[in-house]
């Protein structure tokens, strides 16, 4: 037995409720199990119970063994003074039961529920619940996906609002940093963000019409213009950067960009050149993102192509066959999903405009589902995925719940345990 499972059993009342008695013999009726407290203090707050007909209001504390009350020194902690019921799996120390009502659940929980939980915890594969997924109703999935997408957007919005705080309340700078971080990808995102932070939007705005200067500053700040190169275009970039570095007293970012197991089209040099073109053609788009009514309006602005030099290069050093470095449909969709939608949602939170938050959600419903290995695995397991809202929700489910086996906090896991007969008296 684990304490989190026992908390779940109490919260959902997944135990035999008839003829409840505390250890000293008083009849117990649960009016309200309380609200789970995931912070310091008792496990459930503001519960209401009847003990021999007398109404008690206060908190509930959960332990596997009653002796843990003393091990955790709750008797010396004022936060536990208002505990009205001690719920335990087994009562191995009877000292407390005489002064604090104690309920033992060991023989009141369905063995099938415990067995099902053990199966979930021991299962391997991509999804520990895969064999039970066909039994989950579509409506149940829909409501859970909607909750998951709100959790995901809230988490991303929190990251963006932290950038806003770091920028001293500058939406343009925080938007620029956010875009740069995503263009850097999982491997180089943090480095790209530092490059963006070294080049504030007020500085870049002065050079918006000169894409070569924008490119020179981005590549130079990323330490990519340090080496000698015979190519005339690279030498032009080096001269531009040397002049601008001196003019603005720029300090290149420390660190090294990575290319391991990366597609050439996603090399950092290419992404920085595409970022330069985004700034050149569109400027800083935060306000237009909020004003747009449909993501298609924004998609055409994102579909830029890097400067002509990059048609024949993946790096600054080597010539390659002709291949225009265009931000394709898939990458544009990823920018809409992972950059623009969270930005609109974060602005809605900051401005207390529910309409902006809803617009962000609606855009995810209008955009196509992402196509990646994880989404294909969910679909093979029988879980539908028809929009970006659903694919993002399933990504959140996998990374925030499945990987850590947080089945007790997952609506699907709870449903599976409920199907096991969690509310049926024990065998």
Protein backbone atom coordinates (compact mmCIF):
# COMPACT_ATOMS: atom_id res chain seq x y z
CA UNK A 1 0.00 0.00 0.00
CA UNK A 2 1.22 3.50 -0.87
CA UNK A 3 0.04 6.64 0.86
CA UNK A 4 -1.02 8.31 -2.39
CA UNK A 5 -3.22 5.30 -3.19
CA UNK A 6 -4.77 5.47 0.26
CA UNK A 7 -5.44 9.19 -0.24
CA UNK A 8 -7.13 8.37 -3.54
CA UNK A 9 -9.24 5.64 -1.93
CA UNK A 10 -10.38 8.09 0.74
CA UNK A 11 -11.02 10.92 -1.72
CA UNK A 12 -13.16 8.77 -4.01
CA UNK A 13 -14.75 6.81 -1.14
CA UNK A 14 -13.56 3.59 -2.77
CA UNK A 15 -14.16 1.51 0.35
CA UNK A 16 -17.06 -0.12 2.12
CA UNK A 17 -19.09 2.72 3.64
CA UNK A 18 -21.70 0.67 5.49
CA UNK A 19 -21.42 0.33 9.26
CA UNK A 20 -18.28 2.43 9.59
CA UNK A 21 -16.77 2.59 13.05
CA UNK A 22 -13.66 4.23 14.44
CA UNK A 23 -11.32 2.16 16.61
CA UNK A 24 -13.06 3.18 19.85
CA UNK A 25 -16.43 1.95 18.56
CA UNK A 26 -18.25 5.17 17.65
CA UNK A 27 -20.37 5.06 14.50
CA UNK A 28 -18.88 7.09 11.65
CA UNK A 29 -20.70 8.73 8.73
CA UNK A 30 -18.73 10.73 6.14
CA UNK A 31 -20.57 13.85 5.03
CA UNK A 32 -17.65 15.38 3.11
CA UNK A 33 -14.20 13.75 2.75
CA UNK A 34 -12.60 17.20 2.42
CA UNK A 35 -10.42 18.80 -0.23
CA UNK A 36 -7.10 17.17 -1.02
CA UNK A 37 -4.20 19.33 0.14
CA UNK A 38 -1.06 18.88 -1.97
CA UNK A 39 0.90 21.26 0.26
CA UNK A 40 2.14 21.23 3.85
CA UNK A 41 -0.32 20.22 6.55
CA UNK A 42 -3.14 17.64 6.79
CA UNK A 43 -3.98 15.65 3.66
CA UNK A 44 -7.63 16.73 3.39
CA UNK A 45 -9.01 20.07 4.50
CA UNK A 46 -12.47 21.16 5.61
CA UNK A 47 -14.02 17.72 5.95
CA UNK A 48 -17.31 17.00 7.73
CA UNK A 49 -18.11 13.77 9.57
CA UNK A 50 -20.70 12.47 12.04
CA UNK A 51 -19.44 10.59 15.10
CA UNK A 52 -22.30 8.94 16.99
CA UNK A 53 -24.59 11.62 15.55
CA UNK A 54 -22.37 14.59 16.46
CA UNK A 55 -21.18 16.73 13.54
CA UNK A 56 -17.43 17.37 13.39
CA UNK A 57 -15.77 19.82 10.96
CA UNK A 58 -12.03 19.91 10.39
CA UNK A 59 -9.18 18.13 8.64
CA UNK A 60 -8.29 14.51 7.79
CA UNK A 61 -4.81 13.00 7.99
CA UNK A 62 -3.90 9.84 6.05
CA UNK A 63 -1.13 7.36 6.93
CA UNK A 64 -0.28 3.78 6.02
CA UNK A 65 0.42 3.03 9.69
CA UNK A 66 -0.93 4.92 12.69
CA UNK A 67 2.58 5.08 14.18
CA UNK A 68 3.58 7.47 11.39
CA UNK A 69 1.69 10.21 13.23
CA UNK A 70 4.41 10.16 15.86
CA UNK A 71 7.22 9.47 13.37
CA UNK A 72 6.26 12.68 11.56
CA UNK A 73 5.91 14.53 14.89
CA UNK A 74 2.43 15.78 14.09
CA UNK A 75 1.67 15.94 17.82
CA UNK A 76 4.05 18.92 18.04
CA UNK A 77 2.78 20.69 14.90
CA UNK A 78 -0.04 23.21 15.38
CA UNK A 79 -1.14 22.68 11.76
CA UNK A 80 -2.57 19.31 12.86
CA UNK A 81 -4.52 20.60 15.87
CA UNK A 82 -7.76 20.65 13.89
CA UNK A 83 -7.52 17.07 12.59
CA UNK A 84 -10.82 15.33 13.35
CA UNK A 85 -10.09 11.89 11.87
CA UNK A 86 -6.96 9.78 11.36
CA UNK A 87 -7.41 7.40 8.39
CA UNK A 88 -4.91 4.54 8.28
CA UNK A 89 -4.35 1.26 6.48
CA UNK A 90 -3.36 -0.50 9.67
CA UNK A 91 -3.42 0.55 13.30
CA UNK A 92 -0.02 -0.54 14.60
CA UNK A 93 0.09 1.98 17.47
CA UNK A 94 -3.08 2.28 19.49
CA UNK A 95 -1.98 5.23 21.65
CA UNK A 96 -3.51 7.85 19.37
CA UNK A 97 -6.82 6.09 18.72
CA UNK A 98 -8.02 6.84 22.26
CA UNK A 99 -7.71 10.61 21.78
CA UNK A 100 -8.10 11.03 17.99
CA UNK A 101 -10.83 9.10 16.12
CA UNK A 102 -9.05 6.55 13.90
CA UNK A 103 -10.53 4.71 10.91
CA UNK A 104 -8.78 1.56 9.63
CA UNK A 105 -9.40 0.76 5.93
CA UNK A 106 -7.34 -2.42 5.50
CA UNK A 107 -10.35 -4.74 5.36
CA UNK A 108 -12.75 -2.35 3.62
CA UNK A 109 -11.14 -1.98 0.18
CA UNK A 110 -11.84 -4.22 -2.82
CA UNK A 111 -9.00 -6.64 -3.51
CA UNK A 112 -9.78 -6.21 -7.22
CA UNK A 113 -9.04 -2.49 -6.98
CA UNK A 114 -5.71 -3.18 -5.29
CA UNK A 115 -4.87 -5.81 -7.90
CA UNK A 116 -5.73 -3.46 -10.77
CA UNK A 117 -3.58 -0.70 -9.30
CA UNK A 118 -0.68 -3.14 -8.94
CA UNK A 119 -1.12 -4.14 -12.59
CA UNK A 120 -0.91 -0.51 -13.66
CA UNK A 121 2.23 0.11 -11.62
CA UNK A 122 3.98 -3.01 -12.92
CA UNK A 123 2.92 -2.77 -16.57
CA UNK A 124 5.51 -1.92 -19.21
CA UNK A 125 5.12 -0.61 -22.73
CA UNK A 126 4.29 2.87 -23.94
CA UNK A 127 1.06 3.17 -21.96
CA UNK A 128 0.56 1.11 -18.80
CA UNK A 129 -3.23 1.30 -19.24
CA UNK A 130 -3.30 0.24 -22.90
CA UNK A 131 -5.27 -2.99 -22.40
CA UNK A 132 -8.10 -1.08 -20.67
CA UNK A 133 -8.29 1.88 -23.08
CA UNK A 134 -11.03 0.36 -25.30
CA UNK A 135 -13.37 0.52 -22.30
CA UNK A 136 -13.04 4.30 -21.87
CA UNK A 137 -16.03 6.22 -23.28
CA UNK A 138 -15.37 8.89 -25.94
CA UNK A 139 -17.10 11.55 -23.86
CA UNK A 140 -14.84 10.78 -20.94
CA UNK A 141 -11.79 11.22 -23.16
CA UNK A 142 -13.10 14.54 -24.49
CA UNK A 143 -13.53 16.14 -21.07
CA UNK A 144 -10.11 14.85 -19.94
CA UNK A 145 -8.38 16.17 -23.07
CA UNK A 146 -9.93 19.60 -22.50
CA UNK A 147 -8.57 19.64 -18.96
CA UNK A 148 -5.15 18.46 -20.16
CA UNK A 149 -4.87 21.17 -22.81
CA UNK A 150 -5.70 23.84 -20.24
CA UNK A 151 -3.01 22.43 -17.95
CA UNK A 152 -0.49 22.47 -20.80
CA UNK A 153 -1.33 26.00 -21.89
CA UNK A 154 -1.27 27.25 -18.30
CA UNK A 155 2.20 25.76 -17.84
CA UNK A 156 3.50 27.31 -21.06
CA UNK A 157 1.85 30.62 -20.21
CA UNK A 158 3.63 30.58 -16.85
CA UNK A 159 6.97 30.21 -18.67
CA UNK A 160 6.11 33.05 -21.02
CA UNK A 161 4.94 35.32 -18.19
CA UNK A 162 8.24 34.62 -16.44
CA UNK A 163 10.01 35.91 -19.56
CA UNK A 164 7.72 38.95 -19.47
CA UNK A 165 8.81 39.56 -15.88
CA UNK A 166 12.49 39.17 -16.83
CA UNK A 167 12.01 41.70 -19.65
CA UNK A 168 10.70 44.29 -17.16
CA UNK A 169 7.26 44.23 -18.71
CA UNK A 170 8.27 44.33 -22.38
CA UNK A 171 5.91 42.13 -24.42
CA UNK A 172 7.97 42.55 -27.60
CA UNK A 173 11.17 41.33 -25.96
CA UNK A 174 9.46 38.40 -24.22
CA UNK A 175 7.74 37.44 -27.49
CA UNK A 176 11.10 37.59 -29.31
CA UNK A 177 12.81 35.44 -26.68
CA UNK A 178 9.95 32.93 -26.79
CA UNK A 179 10.11 32.62 -30.58
CA UNK A 180 13.90 32.26 -30.56
CA UNK A 181 13.77 29.57 -27.88
CA UNK A 182 11.41 27.45 -29.96
CA UNK A 183 13.38 27.95 -33.18
CA UNK A 184 16.41 26.57 -31.36
CA UNK A 185 14.56 23.32 -30.70
CA UNK A 186 15.01 21.01 -27.75
CA UNK A 187 18.78 20.88 -28.14
CA UNK A 188 19.65 24.53 -28.76
CA UNK A 189 16.58 26.32 -27.40
CA UNK A 190 18.28 27.70 -24.29
CA UNK A 191 21.24 28.96 -26.36
CA UNK A 192 18.94 30.64 -28.91
CA UNK A 193 17.08 32.33 -26.06
CA UNK A 194 20.36 33.76 -24.76
CA UNK A 195 21.19 35.04 -28.24
CA UNK A 196 17.78 36.72 -28.39
CA UNK A 197 18.27 38.25 -24.95
CA UNK A 198 21.60 39.70 -26.09
CA UNK A 199 19.80 41.54 -28.92
CA UNK A 200 16.84 43.55 -27.60
CA UNK A 201 14.00 44.31 -29.99
CA UNK A 202 14.58 48.08 -29.82
CA UNK A 203 18.07 47.46 -31.28
CA UNK A 204 16.94 44.97 -33.93
CA UNK A 205 14.09 47.28 -34.97
CA UNK A 206 16.65 49.84 -36.18
CA UNK A 207 17.93 47.29 -38.70
CA UNK A 208 14.63 45.65 -39.69
CA UNK A 209 15.00 46.70 -43.33
CA UNK A 210 18.51 45.24 -43.61
CA UNK A 211 18.22 41.47 -43.43
CA UNK A 212 21.99 41.00 -43.83
CA UNK A 213 22.59 43.09 -40.71
CA UNK A 214 19.97 41.11 -38.78
CA UNK A 215 21.58 37.87 -39.92
CA UNK A 216 25.06 39.14 -39.05
CA UNK A 217 24.02 40.05 -35.51
CA UNK A 218 22.29 36.73 -34.87
CA UNK A 219 25.10 34.60 -36.29
CA UNK A 220 27.77 36.73 -34.67
CA UNK A 221 26.20 36.63 -31.22
CA UNK A 222 26.04 32.84 -31.61
CA UNK A 223 29.83 32.70 -32.25
CA UNK A 224 29.34 31.45 -35.81
CA UNK A 225 31.33 34.19 -37.56
CA UNK A 226 34.63 33.68 -35.74
CA UNK A 227 36.42 31.54 -38.34
CA UNK A 228 38.14 32.72 -41.53
CA UNK A 229 36.12 32.03 -44.65
CA UNK A 230 36.84 32.67 -48.33
CA UNK A 231 33.18 33.13 -49.27
CA UNK A 232 32.35 36.75 -50.10
CA UNK A 233 28.93 36.62 -48.42
CA UNK A 234 30.36 35.25 -45.17
CA UNK A 235 33.05 37.96 -45.24
CA UNK A 236 30.30 40.56 -45.68
CA UNK A 237 28.50 39.14 -42.63
CA UNK A 238 31.74 39.27 -40.65
CA UNK A 239 32.34 42.93 -41.57
CA UNK A 240 28.77 43.88 -40.71
CA UNK A 241 28.97 42.11 -37.38
CA UNK A 242 32.33 43.64 -36.48
CA UNK A 243 30.89 47.12 -37.11
CA UNK A 244 27.63 46.48 -35.22
CA UNK A 245 29.38 44.71 -32.37
CA UNK A 246 31.59 47.73 -31.82
CA UNK A 247 28.72 50.21 -32.27
CA UNK A 248 26.44 48.52 -29.74
CA UNK A 249 29.14 47.02 -27.50
CA UNK A 250 27.74 43.53 -28.07
CA UNK A 251 29.08 40.54 -26.14
CA UNK A 252 28.71 37.15 -27.89
CA UNK A 253 26.90 34.41 -25.99
CA UNK A 254 29.09 31.83 -24.26
CA UNK A 255 28.45 28.20 -25.10
CA UNK A 256 28.40 25.78 -28.01
CA UNK A 257 25.64 24.97 -30.46
CA UNK A 258 24.88 21.28 -31.00
CA UNK A 259 24.12 19.42 -34.24
CA UNK A 260 24.24 15.80 -33.10
CA UNK A 261 21.49 13.69 -34.74
CA UNK A 262 19.98 16.84 -36.24
CA UNK A 263 18.59 17.12 -39.77
CA UNK A 264 20.69 19.56 -41.84
CA UNK A 265 17.58 21.67 -42.56
CA UNK A 266 17.34 22.29 -38.80
CA UNK A 267 21.00 23.21 -38.28
CA UNK A 268 21.35 26.26 -36.00
CA UNK A 269 22.85 28.41 -38.78
CA UNK A 270 19.78 27.78 -40.93
CA UNK A 271 17.35 28.49 -38.09
CA UNK A 272 19.12 31.75 -37.22
CA UNK A 273 19.00 32.84 -40.87
CA UNK A 274 15.27 32.04 -40.93
CA UNK A 275 14.80 34.02 -37.72
CA UNK A 276 16.51 36.98 -39.37
CA UNK A 277 14.11 36.75 -42.30
CA UNK A 278 11.12 36.52 -39.94
CA UNK A 279 12.22 39.76 -38.28
CA UNK A 280 12.93 41.38 -41.65
CA UNK A 281 9.56 40.56 -43.19
CA UNK A 282 7.30 40.77 -40.16
CA UNK A 283 8.98 42.65 -37.34
CA UNK A 284 7.77 41.77 -33.87
CA UNK A 285 4.40 40.15 -34.31
CA UNK A 286 2.99 39.98 -30.80
CA UNK A 287 0.25 42.55 -31.36
CA UNK A 288 -0.81 41.05 -34.70
CA UNK A 289 -1.03 37.63 -33.05
CA UNK A 290 -3.58 39.00 -30.60
CA UNK A 291 -5.57 40.77 -33.31
CA UNK A 292 -5.80 37.82 -35.73
CA UNK A 293 -9.10 35.96 -35.94
CA UNK A 294 -7.80 32.74 -37.52
CA UNK A 295 -4.40 31.00 -37.48
CA UNK A 296 -4.32 30.95 -41.30
CA UNK A 297 -3.86 34.73 -41.19
CA UNK A 298 -0.61 34.22 -39.32
CA UNK A 299 0.63 31.12 -41.15
CA UNK A 300 1.44 33.04 -44.35
CA UNK A 301 3.60 35.50 -42.37
CA UNK A 302 5.59 32.66 -40.85
CA UNK A 303 6.32 30.85 -44.12
CA UNK A 304 9.57 32.69 -44.84
CA UNK A 305 12.63 31.58 -46.81
CA UNK A 306 16.17 32.33 -45.66
CA UNK A 307 18.46 34.54 -47.75
CA UNK A 308 19.67 33.26 -51.16
CA UNK A 309 23.07 32.24 -49.76
CA UNK A 310 21.34 29.50 -47.78
CA UNK A 311 19.84 27.93 -50.91
CA UNK A 312 23.29 26.34 -51.37
CA UNK A 313 24.41 26.00 -47.75
CA UNK A 314 23.46 24.23 -44.53
CA UNK A 315 26.47 25.76 -42.76
CA UNK A 316 28.64 28.80 -43.40
CA UNK A 317 31.59 26.66 -44.49
CA UNK A 318 30.33 24.06 -46.98
CA UNK A 319 28.50 24.38 -50.28
CA UNK A 320 25.55 22.00 -50.72
CA UNK A 321 23.11 21.14 -53.53
CA UNK A 322 20.33 23.67 -54.17
CA UNK A 323 17.72 23.48 -51.41
CA UNK A 324 15.82 26.65 -50.41
CA UNK A 325 15.64 26.96 -46.62
CA UNK A 326 11.91 27.56 -46.43
CA UNK A 327 9.91 27.30 -43.22
CA UNK A 328 7.58 24.58 -44.44
CA UNK A 329 3.99 23.82 -43.56
CA UNK A 330 4.88 21.46 -40.72
CA UNK A 331 7.29 23.92 -39.06
CA UNK A 332 4.81 26.77 -39.47
CA UNK A 333 2.16 24.66 -37.78
CA UNK A 334 4.57 23.92 -34.93
CA UNK A 335 5.22 27.65 -34.50
CA UNK A 336 1.48 28.31 -34.40
CA UNK A 337 0.91 25.56 -31.84
CA UNK A 338 3.94 26.06 -29.61
CA UNK A 339 4.72 29.77 -29.90
CA UNK A 340 1.70 31.80 -30.96
CA UNK A 341 -1.12 29.94 -29.22
CA UNK A 342 0.66 29.95 -25.80
CA UNK A 343 1.46 33.64 -26.31
CA UNK A 344 -2.20 34.50 -26.94
CA UNK A 345 -3.25 32.37 -23.97
CA UNK A 346 -0.65 34.03 -21.71
CA UNK A 347 -1.79 37.49 -22.81
CA UNK A 348 -5.35 36.47 -21.97
CA UNK A 349 -4.27 35.47 -18.47
CA UNK A 350 -2.25 38.65 -17.94
CA UNK A 351 -4.96 40.95 -19.29
CA UNK A 352 -7.71 38.92 -17.60
CA UNK A 353 -9.43 38.47 -20.95
CA UNK A 354 -11.18 35.12 -21.14
CA UNK A 355 -11.90 35.80 -24.83
CA UNK A 356 -8.18 35.65 -25.67
CA UNK A 357 -7.76 32.40 -23.77
CA UNK A 358 -10.75 30.93 -25.58
CA UNK A 359 -9.39 32.12 -28.93
CA UNK A 360 -6.15 30.24 -28.25
CA UNK A 361 -8.13 27.08 -27.47
CA UNK A 362 -10.28 27.50 -30.58
CA UNK A 363 -7.20 27.85 -32.76
CA UNK A 364 -5.86 24.53 -31.47
CA UNK A 365 -9.18 22.91 -32.37
CA UNK A 366 -8.95 24.36 -35.90
CA UNK A 367 -5.35 23.28 -36.51
CA UNK A 368 -4.58 19.74 -37.67
CA UNK A 369 -3.23 17.17 -35.25
CA UNK A 370 0.54 16.86 -35.11
CA UNK A 371 2.14 13.87 -36.79
CA UNK A 372 4.80 12.32 -34.61
CA UNK A 373 5.70 8.94 -33.17
CA UNK A 374 3.92 9.48 -29.87
CA UNK A 375 0.63 10.52 -31.47
CA UNK A 376 0.79 7.49 -33.78
CA UNK A 377 1.27 5.26 -30.71
CA UNK A 378 -1.83 6.74 -29.07
CA UNK A 379 -3.81 6.19 -32.26
CA UNK A 380 -2.65 2.57 -32.51
CA UNK A 381 -3.88 2.13 -28.93
CA UNK A 382 -7.33 3.24 -30.11
CA UNK A 383 -7.30 6.84 -28.90
CA UNK A 384 -8.69 9.33 -31.43
CA UNK A 385 -6.72 12.43 -32.37
CA UNK A 386 -8.15 14.81 -34.97
CA UNK A 387 -6.90 18.27 -33.99
CA UNK A 388 -3.91 20.04 -32.49
CA UNK A 389 -5.92 20.43 -29.30
CA UNK A 390 -6.13 16.64 -29.01
CA UNK A 391 -2.50 15.97 -30.00
CA UNK A 392 -1.24 18.57 -27.52
CA UNK A 393 -3.45 17.07 -24.81
CA UNK A 394 -2.06 13.60 -25.50
CA UNK A 395 1.51 14.92 -25.36
CA UNK A 396 0.70 16.46 -21.98
CA UNK A 397 -0.84 13.21 -20.79
CA UNK A 398 2.23 11.21 -21.73
CA UNK A 399 4.82 13.59 -20.31
CA UNK A 400 3.02 14.76 -17.16
CA UNK A 401 1.16 11.60 -16.16
CA UNK A 402 2.14 8.41 -17.99
CA UNK A 403 5.92 8.73 -17.69
CA UNK A 404 5.73 9.16 -13.92
CA UNK A 405 2.85 6.66 -13.62
CA UNK A 406 0.64 9.29 -12.01
CA UNK A 407 -2.39 7.12 -12.71
CA UNK A 408 -4.16 8.24 -9.53
CA UNK A 409 -4.16 11.85 -10.75
CA UNK A 410 -5.22 10.86 -14.28
CA UNK A 411 -8.90 10.72 -15.20
CA UNK A 412 -8.27 7.62 -17.33
CA UNK A 413 -6.44 5.86 -14.50
CA UNK A 414 -9.22 6.78 -12.09
CA UNK A 415 -11.83 5.44 -14.51
CA UNK A 416 -9.94 2.15 -14.87
CA UNK A 417 -9.74 1.75 -11.09
CA UNK A 418 -13.42 2.60 -10.81
CA UNK A 419 -14.19 -0.13 -13.37
CA UNK A 420 -12.33 -2.56 -11.13
CA UNK A 421 -15.08 -2.36 -8.57
CA UNK A 422 -13.54 0.30 -6.38
CA UNK A 423 -16.87 1.10 -4.74
CA UNK A 424 -17.88 -2.52 -4.22
CA UNK A 425 -17.47 -4.07 -0.73
CA UNK A 426 -14.34 -6.22 -0.39
CA UNK A 427 -14.33 -9.91 -1.26
